[in-house]
Structures are given as structure tokens and as C-alpha cells.
PDB file of N, CA and C in Angstrom:
ATOM      1  N   MET A   1      32.721  44.887   5.967  1.00  0.00           N
ATOM      2  CA  MET A   1      33.626  44.193   4.985  1.00  0.00           C
ATOM      3  C   MET A   1      33.270  42.623   4.898  1.00  0.00           C
ATOM      4  N   THR A   2      32.720  42.136   3.842  1.00  0.00           N
ATOM      5  CA  THR A   2      32.688  40.843   3.561  1.00  0.00           C
ATOM      6  C   THR A   2      34.170  40.165   3.021  1.00  0.00           C
ATOM      7  N   GLN A   3      34.269  39.277   3.590  1.00  0.00           N
ATOM      8  CA  GLN A   3      35.330  38.135   3.307  1.00  0.00           C
ATOM      9  C   GLN A   3      35.061  36.971   2.233  1.00  0.00           C
ATOM     10  N   LYS A   4      36.097  36.799   1.491  1.00  0.00           N
ATOM     11  CA  LYS A   4      35.370  35.602   0.639  1.00  0.00           C
ATOM     12  C   LYS A   4      35.865  34.384   1.426  1.00  0.00           C
ATOM     13  N   TYR A   5      35.059  33.207   1.590  1.00  0.00           N
ATOM     14  CA  TYR A   5      36.045  32.118   1.800  1.00  0.00           C
ATOM     15  C   TYR A   5      36.610  31.179   0.452  1.00  0.00           C
ATOM     16  N   VAL A   6      37.814  31.187   1.036  1.00  0.00           N
ATOM     17  CA  VAL A   6      38.886  30.561  -0.099  1.00  0.00           C
ATOM     18  C   VAL A   6      39.179  29.281   0.229  1.00  0.00           C
ATOM     19  N   VAL A   7      38.957  27.771  -0.350  1.00  0.00           N
ATOM     20  CA  VAL A   7      39.662  26.862   0.137  1.00  0.00           C
ATOM     21  C   VAL A   7      40.837  26.620  -0.315  1.00  0.00           C
ATOM     22  N   GLU A   8      41.877  26.584   0.055  1.00  0.00           N
ATOM     23  CA  GLU A   8      43.411  26.226  -0.355  1.00  0.00           C
ATOM     24  C   GLU A   8      43.355  24.698  -0.193  1.00  0.00           C
ATOM     25  N   ILE A   9      44.113  23.909  -1.200  1.00  0.00           N
ATOM     26  CA  ILE A   9      44.106  22.654  -1.190  1.00  0.00           C
ATOM     27  C   ILE A   9      45.712  22.350  -1.676  1.00  0.00           C
ATOM     28  N   PRO A  10      46.519  21.776  -0.655  1.00  0.00           N
ATOM     29  CA  PRO A  10      47.963  21.852  -0.966  1.00  0.00           C
ATOM     30  C   PRO A  10      48.070  20.583  -2.467  1.00  0.00           C
ATOM     31  N   ARG A  11      49.047  21.256  -3.601  1.00  0.00           N
ATOM     32  CA  ARG A  11      49.175  21.179  -4.813  1.00  0.00           C
ATOM     33  C   ARG A  11      49.128  19.599  -4.792  1.00  0.00           C
ATOM     34  N   LEU A  12      50.177  19.012  -3.673  1.00  0.00           N
ATOM     35  CA  LEU A  12      50.126  17.348  -3.788  1.00  0.00           C
ATOM     36  C   LEU A  12      48.738  16.834  -4.174  1.00  0.00           C
ATOM     37  N   TYR A  13      47.671  16.996  -3.167  1.00  0.00           N
ATOM     38  CA  TYR A  13      46.340  16.509  -3.366  1.00  0.00           C
ATOM     39  C   TYR A  13      45.957  16.689  -4.496  1.00  0.00           C
ATOM     40  N   LEU A  14      46.014  17.867  -5.133  1.00  0.00           N
ATOM     41  CA  LEU A  14      45.255  18.002  -6.719  1.00  0.00           C
ATOM     42  C   LEU A  14      46.175  17.340  -7.930  1.00  0.00           C
ATOM     43  N   SER A  15      47.403  16.710  -7.647  1.00  0.00           N
ATOM     44  CA  SER A  15      48.353  16.073  -8.468  1.00  0.00           C
ATOM     45  C   SER A  15      48.068  15.114  -8.366  1.00  0.00           C
ATOM     46  N   ILE A  16      47.834  14.175  -6.800  1.00  0.00           N
ATOM     47  CA  ILE A  16      47.429  13.056  -6.964  1.00  0.00           C
ATOM     48  C   ILE A  16      45.997  12.666  -7.368  1.00  0.00           C
ATOM     49  N   LEU A  17      45.105  13.482  -7.389  1.00  0.00           N
ATOM     50  CA  LEU A  17      43.470  13.282  -7.755  1.00  0.00           C
ATOM     51  C   LEU A  17      43.531  13.290  -9.318  1.00  0.00           C
ATOM     52  N   ASN A  18      44.401  14.077  -9.942  1.00  0.00           N
ATOM     53  CA  ASN A  18      44.185  14.269 -11.370  1.00  0.00           C
ATOM     54  C   ASN A  18      45.003  12.936 -11.800  1.00  0.00           C
ATOM     55  N   ASN A  19      46.229  12.363 -11.321  1.00  0.00           N
ATOM     56  CA  ASN A  19      46.769  11.249 -11.800  1.00  0.00           C
ATOM     57  C   ASN A  19      45.821  10.299 -11.652  1.00  0.00           C
ATOM     58  N   LEU A  20      45.190   9.905 -10.542  1.00  0.00           N
ATOM     59  CA  LEU A  20      44.367   8.658 -10.235  1.00  0.00           C
ATOM     60  C   LEU A  20      43.332   8.862 -11.064  1.00  0.00           C
ATOM     61  N   TYR A  21      42.751  10.064 -11.573  1.00  0.00           N
ATOM     62  CA  TYR A  21      42.071  10.055 -12.900  1.00  0.00           C
ATOM     63  C   TYR A  21      42.558   9.416 -14.045  1.00  0.00           C
ATOM     64  N   GLU A  22      43.503  10.029 -14.389  1.00  0.00           N
ATOM     65  CA  GLU A  22      44.287   9.486 -15.610  1.00  0.00           C
ATOM     66  C   GLU A  22      44.387   7.958 -15.540  1.00  0.00           C
ATOM     67  N   ILE A  23      44.802   7.692 -14.744  1.00  0.00           N
ATOM     68  CA  ILE A  23      45.124   5.691 -14.132  1.00  0.00           C
ATOM     69  C   ILE A  23      43.492   5.246 -14.406  1.00  0.00           C
ATOM     70  N   GLU A  24      42.642   5.483 -14.046  1.00  0.00           N
ATOM     71  CA  GLU A  24      41.562   4.867 -13.940  1.00  0.00           C
ATOM     72  C   GLU A  24      41.295   4.926 -15.467  1.00  0.00           C
ATOM     73  N   LYS A  25      40.939   6.177 -16.493  1.00  0.00           N
ATOM     74  CA  LYS A  25      40.740   6.509 -17.845  1.00  0.00           C
ATOM     75  C   LYS A  25      41.696   5.302 -18.774  1.00  0.00           C
ATOM     76  N   LYS A  26      42.863   5.251 -18.466  1.00  0.00           N
ATOM     77  CA  LYS A  26      43.717   4.125 -18.715  1.00  0.00           C
ATOM     78  C   LYS A  26      43.118   2.792 -18.787  1.00  0.00           C
ATOM     79  N   LEU A  27      42.948   2.437 -17.720  1.00  0.00           N
ATOM     80  CA  LEU A  27      42.806   1.581 -16.741  1.00  0.00           C
ATOM     81  C   LEU A  27      41.248   0.863 -17.722  1.00  0.00           C
ATOM     82  N   ALA A  28      40.790   1.654 -18.266  1.00  0.00           N
ATOM     83  CA  ALA A  28      39.081   1.668 -18.683  1.00  0.00           C
ATOM     84  C   ALA A  28      39.417   1.168 -19.870  1.00  0.00           C
ATOM     85  N   ILE A  29      40.195   1.765 -20.586  1.00  0.00           N
ATOM     86  CA  ILE A  29      40.595   1.824 -22.144  1.00  0.00           C
ATOM     87  C   ILE A  29      41.319   0.158 -22.425  1.00  0.00           C
ATOM     88  N   HIS A  30      42.305   0.174 -21.492  1.00  0.00           N
ATOM     89  CA  HIS A  30      43.165  -1.083 -22.033  1.00  0.00           C
ATOM     90  C   HIS A  30      43.355  -2.631 -20.660  1.00  0.00           C
ATOM     91  N   GLY A  31      42.139  -2.384 -19.730  1.00  0.00           N
ATOM     92  CA  GLY A  31      41.695  -3.020 -18.984  1.00  0.00           C
ATOM     93  C   GLY A  31      42.524  -3.180 -17.963  1.00  0.00           C
ATOM     94  N   ASP A  32      42.282  -4.156 -16.999  1.00  0.00           N
ATOM     95  CA  ASP A  32      42.655  -4.365 -15.714  1.00  0.00           C
ATOM     96  C   ASP A  32      43.037  -5.425 -14.970  1.00  0.00           C
ATOM     97  N   ALA A  33      44.203  -6.571 -15.566  1.00  0.00           N
ATOM     98  CA  ALA A  33      44.593  -7.617 -15.459  1.00  0.00           C
ATOM     99  C   ALA A  33      44.893  -7.592 -14.118  1.00  0.00           C
ATOM    100  N   GLY A  34      45.769  -6.961 -13.547  1.00  0.00           N
ATOM    101  CA  GLY A  34      46.193  -7.116 -12.333  1.00  0.00           C
ATOM    102  C   GLY A  34      45.570  -6.121 -11.332  1.00  0.00           C
ATOM    103  N   ASN A  35      43.972  -5.904 -11.268  1.00  0.00           N
ATOM    104  CA  ASN A  35      42.887  -5.305 -11.060  1.00  0.00           C
ATOM    105  C   ASN A  35      43.913  -4.050  -9.570  1.00  0.00           C
ATOM    106  N   ALA A  36      44.166  -3.439 -10.446  1.00  0.00           N
ATOM    107  CA  ALA A  36      44.595  -2.390 -10.092  1.00  0.00           C
ATOM    108  C   ALA A  36      43.615  -1.110  -9.177  1.00  0.00           C
ATOM    109  N   ALA A  37      42.556  -1.258 -10.187  1.00  0.00           N
ATOM    110  CA  ALA A  37      41.204  -0.236  -9.763  1.00  0.00           C
ATOM    111  C   ALA A  37      40.940  -0.212  -8.277  1.00  0.00           C
ATOM    112  N   ARG A  38      40.938  -1.682  -7.993  1.00  0.00           N
ATOM    113  CA  ARG A  38      40.790  -1.817  -6.650  1.00  0.00           C
ATOM    114  C   ARG A  38      41.712  -1.166  -5.710  1.00  0.00           C
ATOM    115  N   ASN A  39      42.666  -0.858  -5.768  1.00  0.00           N
ATOM    116  CA  ASN A  39      43.723   0.160  -5.344  1.00  0.00           C
ATOM    117  C   ASN A  39      43.657   1.270  -5.494  1.00  0.00           C
ATOM    118  N   ILE A  40      43.332   1.606  -6.653  1.00  0.00           N
ATOM    119  CA  ILE A  40      42.760   3.176  -6.924  1.00  0.00           C
ATOM    120  C   ILE A  40      41.476   3.783  -5.894  1.00  0.00           C
ATOM    121  N   GLU A  41      40.708   2.862  -5.952  1.00  0.00           N
ATOM    122  CA  GLU A  41      39.469   2.967  -5.022  1.00  0.00           C
ATOM    123  C   GLU A  41      39.869   3.345  -3.488  1.00  0.00           C
ATOM    124  N   LYS A  42      41.036   2.490  -2.985  1.00  0.00           N
ATOM    125  CA  LYS A  42      41.217   2.491  -1.646  1.00  0.00           C
ATOM    126  C   LYS A  42      41.959   3.787  -1.731  1.00  0.00           C
ATOM    127  N   MET A  43      42.756   4.400  -2.129  1.00  0.00           N
ATOM    128  CA  MET A  43      43.494   5.830  -2.411  1.00  0.00           C
ATOM    129  C   MET A  43      42.182   7.086  -2.525  1.00  0.00           C
ATOM    130  N   LYS A  44      41.513   6.542  -3.525  1.00  0.00           N
ATOM    131  CA  LYS A  44      40.228   7.905  -3.554  1.00  0.00           C
ATOM    132  C   LYS A  44      39.423   7.551  -2.235  1.00  0.00           C
ATOM    133  N   GLU A  45      39.121   6.662  -1.603  1.00  0.00           N
ATOM    134  CA  GLU A  45      38.172   6.867  -0.261  1.00  0.00           C
ATOM    135  C   GLU A  45      39.291   7.361   0.650  1.00  0.00           C
ATOM    136  N   SER A  46      40.578   6.885   1.016  1.00  0.00           N
ATOM    137  CA  SER A  46      41.514   7.249   1.837  1.00  0.00           C
ATOM    138  C   SER A  46      41.084   8.769   1.678  1.00  0.00           C
ATOM    139  N   LEU A  47      41.314   9.428   0.369  1.00  0.00           N
ATOM    140  CA  LEU A  47      41.263  11.154   0.125  1.00  0.00           C
ATOM    141  C   LEU A  47      39.915  11.403   0.442  1.00  0.00           C
ATOM    142  N   ALA A  48      38.958  10.685   0.328  1.00  0.00           N
ATOM    143  CA  ALA A  48      37.486  11.388   0.729  1.00  0.00           C
ATOM    144  C   ALA A  48      37.243  11.637   1.959  1.00  0.00           C
ATOM    145  N   GLU A  49      38.171  10.557   2.942  1.00  0.00           N
ATOM    146  CA  GLU A  49      37.708  10.839   3.887  1.00  0.00           C
ATOM    147  C   GLU A  49      38.897  12.064   4.889  1.00  0.00           C
ATOM    148  N   THR A  50      39.189  12.691   4.133  1.00  0.00           N
ATOM    149  CA  THR A  50      40.258  14.034   4.134  1.00  0.00           C
ATOM    150  C   THR A  50      38.895  15.201   3.805  1.00  0.00           C
ATOM    151  N   GLY A  51      38.420  15.036   2.874  1.00  0.00           N
ATOM    152  CA  GLY A  51      37.251  16.106   2.748  1.00  0.00           C
ATOM    153  C   GLY A  51      37.726  16.418   1.083  1.00  0.00           C
ATOM    154  N   ILE A  52      38.366  15.391   0.117  1.00  0.00           N
ATOM    155  CA  ILE A  52      38.743  15.860  -1.251  1.00  0.00           C
ATOM    156  C   ILE A  52      38.365  14.524  -1.953  1.00  0.00           C
ATOM    157  N   PHE A  53      37.600  15.023  -3.058  1.00  0.00           N
ATOM    158  CA  PHE A  53      37.657  14.194  -3.912  1.00  0.00           C
ATOM    159  C   PHE A  53      37.386  14.921  -5.263  1.00  0.00           C
ATOM    160  N   TYR A  54      36.685  13.988  -6.611  1.00  0.00           N
ATOM    161  CA  TYR A  54      36.885  13.954  -7.709  1.00  0.00           C
ATOM    162  C   TYR A  54      35.756  13.812  -8.716  1.00  0.00           C
ATOM    163  N   GLU A  55      35.089  14.505  -9.193  1.00  0.00           N
ATOM    164  CA  GLU A  55      34.197  14.192 -10.082  1.00  0.00           C
ATOM    165  C   GLU A  55      34.133  14.052 -11.504  1.00  0.00           C
ATOM    166  N   ASP A  56      33.892  13.163 -12.240  1.00  0.00           N
ATOM    167  CA  ASP A  56      34.069  12.583 -13.705  1.00  0.00           C
ATOM    168  C   ASP A  56      32.852  13.087 -14.450  1.00  0.00           C
ATOM    169  N   PRO A  57      32.594  14.263 -14.873  1.00  0.00           N
ATOM    170  CA  PRO A  57      31.838  14.436 -15.988  1.00  0.00           C
ATOM    171  C   PRO A  57      31.588  14.513 -17.255  1.00  0.00           C
ATOM    172  N   MET A  58      31.885  13.066 -17.860  1.00  0.00           N
ATOM    173  CA  MET A  58      31.850  12.588 -18.707  1.00  0.00           C
ATOM    174  C   MET A  58      30.423  12.621 -18.951  1.00  0.00           C
ATOM    175  N   GLY A  59      29.898  12.824 -20.271  1.00  0.00           N
ATOM    176  CA  GLY A  59      28.500  12.431 -20.873  1.00  0.00           C
ATOM    177  C   GLY A  59      27.698  13.463 -19.782  1.00  0.00           C
ATOM    178  N   GLN A  60      27.592  14.082 -19.205  1.00  0.00           N
ATOM    179  CA  GLN A  60      26.744  15.433 -18.305  1.00  0.00           C
ATOM    180  C   GLN A  60      26.479  16.314 -19.507  1.00  0.00           C
ATOM    181  N   GLU A  61      25.439  16.726 -19.265  1.00  0.00           N
ATOM    182  CA  GLU A  61      25.299  18.333 -20.099  1.00  0.00           C
ATOM    183  C   GLU A  61      25.710  19.288 -19.727  1.00  0.00           C
ATOM    184  N   PHE A  62      26.249  19.972 -20.596  1.00  0.00           N
ATOM    185  CA  PHE A  62      26.950  21.309 -20.197  1.00  0.00           C
ATOM    186  C   PHE A  62      26.184  22.503 -20.943  1.00  0.00           C
ATOM    187  N   LYS A  63      26.062  23.813 -19.879  1.00  0.00           N
ATOM    188  CA  LYS A  63      25.263  24.648 -20.099  1.00  0.00           C
ATOM    189  C   LYS A  63      26.604  25.616 -19.856  1.00  0.00           C
ATOM    190  N   GLU A  64      25.849  27.063 -20.459  1.00  0.00           N
ATOM    191  CA  GLU A  64      27.081  28.006 -20.175  1.00  0.00           C
ATOM    192  C   GLU A  64      26.932  28.850 -18.755  1.00  0.00           C
ATOM    193  N   THR A  65      25.961  28.488 -18.136  1.00  0.00           N
ATOM    194  CA  THR A  65      25.793  28.842 -16.432  1.00  0.00           C
ATOM    195  C   THR A  65      26.656  28.135 -15.800  1.00  0.00           C
ATOM    196  N   ARG A  66      27.267  27.160 -16.058  1.00  0.00           N
ATOM    197  CA  ARG A  66      27.907  25.593 -15.331  1.00  0.00           C
ATOM    198  C   ARG A  66      29.499  26.578 -14.735  1.00  0.00           C
ATOM    199  N   THR A  67      29.166  26.446 -13.652  1.00  0.00           N
ATOM    200  CA  THR A  67      30.812  27.366 -13.112  1.00  0.00           C
ATOM    201  C   THR A  67      31.759  26.371 -12.879  1.00  0.00           C
ATOM    202  N   ASP A  68      31.388  24.466 -12.854  1.00  0.00           N
ATOM    203  CA  ASP A  68      32.593  24.100 -12.346  1.00  0.00           C
ATOM    204  C   ASP A  68      33.383  23.361 -13.305  1.00  0.00           C
ATOM    205  N   LEU A  69      32.509  23.997 -14.672  1.00  0.00           N
ATOM    206  CA  LEU A  69      33.626  23.538 -16.012  1.00  0.00           C
ATOM    207  C   LEU A  69      34.173  24.550 -16.918  1.00  0.00           C
ATOM    208  N   ASP A  70      35.486  24.471 -17.382  1.00  0.00           N
ATOM    209  CA  ASP A  70      35.857  25.311 -18.493  1.00  0.00           C
ATOM    210  C   ASP A  70      35.753  24.431 -19.576  1.00  0.00           C
ATOM    211  N   ALA A  71      35.025  24.733 -20.570  1.00  0.00           N
ATOM    212  CA  ALA A  71      34.687  23.858 -21.615  1.00  0.00           C
ATOM    213  C   ALA A  71      35.257  24.415 -23.280  1.00  0.00           C
ATOM    214  N   THR A  72      35.763  23.740 -24.014  1.00  0.00           N
ATOM    215  CA  THR A  72      36.275  23.720 -25.324  1.00  0.00           C
ATOM    216  C   THR A  72      34.609  23.325 -26.277  1.00  0.00           C
ATOM    217  N   ILE A  73      34.078  24.014 -27.252  1.00  0.00           N
ATOM    218  CA  ILE A  73      33.330  23.485 -27.780  1.00  0.00           C
ATOM    219  C   ILE A  73      34.002  23.039 -29.219  1.00  0.00           C
ATOM    220  N   SER A  74      33.499  21.763 -29.603  1.00  0.00           N
ATOM    221  CA  SER A  74      34.031  20.453 -30.557  1.00  0.00           C
ATOM    222  C   SER A  74      33.002  20.730 -31.505  1.00  0.00           C
ATOM    223  N   GLY A  75      33.256  21.269 -33.168  1.00  0.00           N
ATOM    224  CA  GLY A  75      32.280  20.551 -33.986  1.00  0.00           C
ATOM    225  C   GLY A  75      31.633  22.090 -34.351  1.00  0.00           C
ATOM    226  N   SER A  76      30.384  22.308 -34.711  1.00  0.00           N
ATOM    227  CA  SER A  76      29.852  23.172 -35.367  1.00  0.00           C
ATOM    228  C   SER A  76      28.429  23.673 -34.524  1.00  0.00           C
ATOM    229  N   GLY A  77      27.853  22.518 -34.384  1.00  0.00           N
ATOM    230  CA  GLY A  77      26.357  23.270 -33.207  1.00  0.00           C
ATOM    231  C   GLY A  77      27.318  23.818 -31.475  1.00  0.00           C
ATOM    232  N   THR A  78      25.795  24.163 -31.222  1.00  0.00           N
ATOM    233  CA  THR A  78      25.983  25.055 -30.112  1.00  0.00           C
ATOM    234  C   THR A  78      25.160  24.713 -28.757  1.00  0.00           C
ATOM    235  N   GLU A  79      23.783  23.844 -29.710  1.00  0.00           N
ATOM    236  CA  GLU A  79      22.910  23.133 -29.181  1.00  0.00           C
ATOM    237  C   GLU A  79      22.870  21.852 -28.314  1.00  0.00           C
ATOM    238  N   GLN A  80      22.235  21.845 -26.933  1.00  0.00           N
ATOM    239  CA  GLN A  80      22.226  20.780 -26.481  1.00  0.00           C
ATOM    240  C   GLN A  80      23.779  20.109 -26.252  1.00  0.00           C
ATOM    241  N   LEU A  81      24.760  20.832 -25.844  1.00  0.00           N
ATOM    242  CA  LEU A  81      26.242  20.169 -25.553  1.00  0.00           C
ATOM    243  C   LEU A  81      26.062  19.215 -24.492  1.00  0.00           C
ATOM    244  N   ILE A  82      26.938  18.261 -24.355  1.00  0.00           N
ATOM    245  CA  ILE A  82      26.973  17.283 -23.430  1.00  0.00           C
ATOM    246  C   ILE A  82      28.485  17.353 -23.816  1.00  0.00           C
ATOM    247  N   VAL A  83      29.391  16.601 -22.544  1.00  0.00           N
ATOM    248  CA  VAL A  83      30.821  16.315 -21.904  1.00  0.00           C
ATOM    249  C   VAL A  83      31.022  15.231 -23.128  1.00  0.00           C
ATOM    250  N   VAL A  84      32.014  15.396 -23.821  1.00  0.00           N
ATOM    251  CA  VAL A  84      32.596  14.133 -24.858  1.00  0.00           C
ATOM    252  C   VAL A  84      34.128  14.049 -24.541  1.00  0.00           C
ATOM    253  N   GLU A  85      34.927  14.570 -23.884  1.00  0.00           N
ATOM    254  CA  GLU A  85      36.136  14.399 -23.325  1.00  0.00           C
ATOM    255  C   GLU A  85      36.590  15.177 -22.457  1.00  0.00           C
ATOM    256  N   VAL A  86      37.198  14.299 -21.397  1.00  0.00           N
ATOM    257  CA  VAL A  86      37.553  15.109 -20.021  1.00  0.00           C
ATOM    258  C   VAL A  86      38.879  15.295 -20.140  1.00  0.00           C
ATOM    259  N   ILE A  87      39.400  16.578 -19.571  1.00  0.00           N
ATOM    260  CA  ILE A  87      41.201  16.337 -19.707  1.00  0.00           C
ATOM    261  C   ILE A  87      41.137  16.645 -18.038  1.00  0.00           C
ATOM    262  N   LYS A  88      40.692  16.978 -17.353  1.00  0.00           N
ATOM    263  CA  LYS A  88      40.640  17.449 -16.095  1.00  0.00           C
ATOM    264  C   LYS A  88      39.617  17.044 -15.412  1.00  0.00           C
ATOM    265  N   PRO A  89      39.491  16.341 -14.267  1.00  0.00           N
ATOM    266  CA  PRO A  89      38.308  16.128 -13.872  1.00  0.00           C
ATOM    267  C   PRO A  89      37.785  17.301 -12.854  1.00  0.00           C
ATOM    268  N   ILE A  90      36.614  17.615 -12.051  1.00  0.00           N
ATOM    269  CA  ILE A  90      36.192  18.421 -10.967  1.00  0.00           C
ATOM    270  C   ILE A  90      36.653  17.957 -10.149  1.00  0.00           C
ATOM    271  N   ILE A  91      37.486  18.868  -9.024  1.00  0.00           N
ATOM    272  CA  ILE A  91      37.942  18.343  -7.902  1.00  0.00           C
ATOM    273  C   ILE A  91      37.021  19.124  -6.756  1.00  0.00           C
ATOM    274  N   ARG A  92      36.659  18.382  -5.914  1.00  0.00           N
ATOM    275  CA  ARG A  92      36.126  19.347  -4.744  1.00  0.00           C
ATOM    276  C   ARG A  92      36.482  18.900  -3.507  1.00  0.00           C
ATOM    277  N   THR A  93      36.097  19.799  -2.581  1.00  0.00           N
ATOM    278  CA  THR A  93      36.402  19.536  -1.183  1.00  0.00           C
ATOM    279  C   THR A  93      34.753  19.720  -0.275  1.00  0.00           C
ATOM    280  N   GLY A  94      34.864  18.686   0.550  1.00  0.00           N
ATOM    281  CA  GLY A  94      33.423  18.936   1.281  1.00  0.00           C
ATOM    282  C   GLY A  94      32.870  17.357   1.260  1.00  0.00           C
ATOM    283  N   GLU A  95      31.729  17.619   1.445  1.00  0.00           N
ATOM    284  CA  GLU A  95      31.055  15.777   1.000  1.00  0.00           C
ATOM    285  C   GLU A  95      30.347  15.920  -0.005  1.00  0.00           C
ATOM    286  N   SER A  96      29.686  14.977  -0.637  1.00  0.00           N
ATOM    287  CA  SER A  96      29.497  14.655  -2.036  1.00  0.00           C
ATOM    288  C   SER A  96      27.994  15.364  -1.721  1.00  0.00           C
ATOM    289  N   THR A  97      27.229  15.833  -0.916  1.00  0.00           N
ATOM    290  CA  THR A  97      26.298  16.517  -0.943  1.00  0.00           C
ATOM    291  C   THR A  97      25.816  18.027  -1.131  1.00  0.00           C
ATOM    292  N   TYR A  98      26.860  18.006  -0.300  1.00  0.00           N
ATOM    293  CA  TYR A  98      27.644  19.445  -0.060  1.00  0.00           C
ATOM    294  C   TYR A  98      29.219  19.685  -0.302  1.00  0.00           C
ATOM    295  N   SER A  99      29.189  20.686  -1.336  1.00  0.00           N
ATOM    296  CA  SER A  99      30.790  20.548  -1.424  1.00  0.00           C
ATOM    297  C   SER A  99      31.282  21.936  -2.414  1.00  0.00           C
ATOM    298  N   ARG A 100      32.631  22.340  -2.232  1.00  0.00           N
ATOM    299  CA  ARG A 100      33.095  23.574  -3.038  1.00  0.00           C
ATOM    300  C   ARG A 100      34.085  22.931  -3.895  1.00  0.00           C
ATOM    301  N   VAL A 101      34.147  23.642  -5.374  1.00  0.00           N
ATOM    302  CA  VAL A 101      35.115  23.530  -6.604  1.00  0.00           C
ATOM    303  C   VAL A 101      36.637  24.242  -5.863  1.00  0.00           C
ATOM    304  N   VAL A 102      37.776  23.342  -5.906  1.00  0.00           N
ATOM    305  CA  VAL A 102      38.897  23.203  -5.917  1.00  0.00           C
ATOM    306  C   VAL A 102      39.313  23.206  -7.057  1.00  0.00           C
ATOM    307  N   GLN A 103      39.004  22.545  -8.091  1.00  0.00           N
ATOM    308  CA  GLN A 103      39.626  22.465  -9.593  1.00  0.00           C
ATOM    309  C   GLN A 103      38.518  22.412 -10.433  1.00  0.00           C
ATOM    310  N   LYS A 104      38.406  23.533 -11.272  1.00  0.00           N
ATOM    311  CA  LYS A 104      37.065  23.320 -12.265  1.00  0.00           C
ATOM    312  C   LYS A 104      37.486  22.290 -13.152  1.00  0.00           C
ATOM    313  N   GLY A 105      36.842  21.538 -13.817  1.00  0.00           N
ATOM    314  CA  GLY A 105      37.171  20.610 -14.947  1.00  0.00           C
ATOM    315  C   GLY A 105      37.382  21.119 -16.280  1.00  0.00           C
ATOM    316  N   ILE A 106      38.241  20.193 -16.630  1.00  0.00           N
ATOM    317  CA  ILE A 106      38.494  20.642 -18.136  1.00  0.00           C
ATOM    318  C   ILE A 106      37.901  20.211 -18.890  1.00  0.00           C
ATOM    319  N   VAL A 107      37.175  20.242 -20.181  1.00  0.00           N
ATOM    320  CA  VAL A 107      36.581  19.546 -20.863  1.00  0.00           C
ATOM    321  C   VAL A 107      36.383  19.977 -22.182  1.00  0.00           C
ATOM    322  N   ILE A 108      35.911  18.965 -23.223  1.00  0.00           N
ATOM    323  CA  ILE A 108      35.481  19.201 -24.280  1.00  0.00           C
ATOM    324  C   ILE A 108      34.000  18.781 -24.740  1.00  0.00           C
ATOM    325  N   VAL A 109      33.318  20.027 -25.126  1.00  0.00           N
ATOM    326  CA  VAL A 109      32.027  19.714 -25.354  1.00  0.00           C
ATOM    327  C   VAL A 109      31.130  19.801 -26.696  1.00  0.00           C
ATOM    328  N   GLN A 110      30.165  18.734 -27.220  1.00  0.00           N
ATOM    329  CA  GLN A 110      30.225  18.972 -28.486  1.00  0.00           C
ATOM    330  C   GLN A 110      27.821  18.902 -28.382  1.00  0.00           C
ATOM    331  N   SER A 111      27.831  18.908 -29.609  1.00  0.00           N
ATOM    332  CA  SER A 111      26.029  18.928 -29.563  1.00  0.00           C
ATOM    333  C   SER A 111      25.905  17.768 -29.639  1.00  0.00           C
ATOM    334  N   ARG A 112      24.946  16.952 -29.099  1.00  0.00           N
ATOM    335  CA  ARG A 112      24.359  15.983 -29.042  1.00  0.00           C
ATOM    336  C   ARG A 112      24.195  15.415 -30.594  1.00  0.00           C
ATOM    337  N   GLU A 113      24.600  14.234 -30.736  1.00  0.00           N
ATOM    338  CA  GLU A 113      23.934  13.475 -32.111  1.00  0.00           C
ATOM    339  C   GLU A 113      22.723  13.453 -32.406  1.00  0.00           C
ATOM    340  N   GLY A 114      22.014  13.462 -33.341  1.00  0.00           N
ATOM    341  CA  GLY A 114      20.794  13.587 -34.018  1.00  0.00           C
ATOM    342  C   GLY A 114      20.150  14.623 -33.707  1.00  0.00           C
ATOM    343  N   SER A 115      20.354  16.138 -32.508  1.00  0.00           N
ATOM    344  CA  SER A 115      19.923  17.011 -32.366  1.00  0.00           C
ATOM    345  C   SER A 115      19.422  18.397 -33.484  1.00  0.00           C
ATOM    346  N   LYS A 116      20.239  17.837 -34.579  1.00  0.00           N
ATOM    347  CA  LYS A 116      19.873  18.622 -35.868  1.00  0.00           C
ATOM    348  C   LYS A 116      18.871  18.574 -36.664  1.00  0.00           C
ATOM    349  N   GLN A 117      17.776  19.117 -36.856  1.00  0.00           N
ATOM    350  CA  GLN A 117      16.396  18.857 -37.765  1.00  0.00           C
ATOM    351  C   GLN A 117      16.454  19.641 -38.813  1.00  0.00           C
TER     352      GLN A 117
END
């Protein structure tokens, strides 16, 4: 009998990483006059030392075979899809070269502009 290896991460870590991602997005839009990004990076590094980190899939190519994203298609095109909005980032455990998905990213994808012929 084979047993599936399941990684369980406390919800607290997922909540912290999701909120750090949201803060980073807001700082990118509104600016970072108080240099809070430096503190966010330190928090992310501390969490990464414990083996948990997030990936921002913004701008990445999306194919239906991708298992680390739950996507909603925006617009009428379904060819050459790219991530145009990230609602939740991909949260992983392990190291950046080899990791397991703990939380799928939730994204909106859209066909690349100019791909219509």
C-alpha cells in the first residue's frame, strides 16, 4: 500500500504569507515612503529559513496542465494565456530549486494582446 506524502503547514503561516504578498502589492502601487519593503523582505527571509515561501506568478504563461494555479479566464481568447492578476500567490515548502505546493495560486488569466490574427 502506497502512502501519499502530504505537507501540512499551520494556517498562521499561510495567513502571514498571503498578507505579506498583499502588502507588497499595495506598496508597489502606492509607493514605499517609509521603506517598509525592507522589513517585508526580512520577514520573507525568516519564513524561507523555515522552508516556506511564496511565488508571484504575475506575467507568467498559463497552460491547462499547470497544477500550481487555479485560474479564471478573462476575455474571449483562450490561446497564449498569461497571468494578468494574482489574487493569492503560490505558497511552497522546501527550497526554491525543489519544492512542494502548499497553496495553489489563484489568478486571472487573459490571452496575450496582439495574438489575434
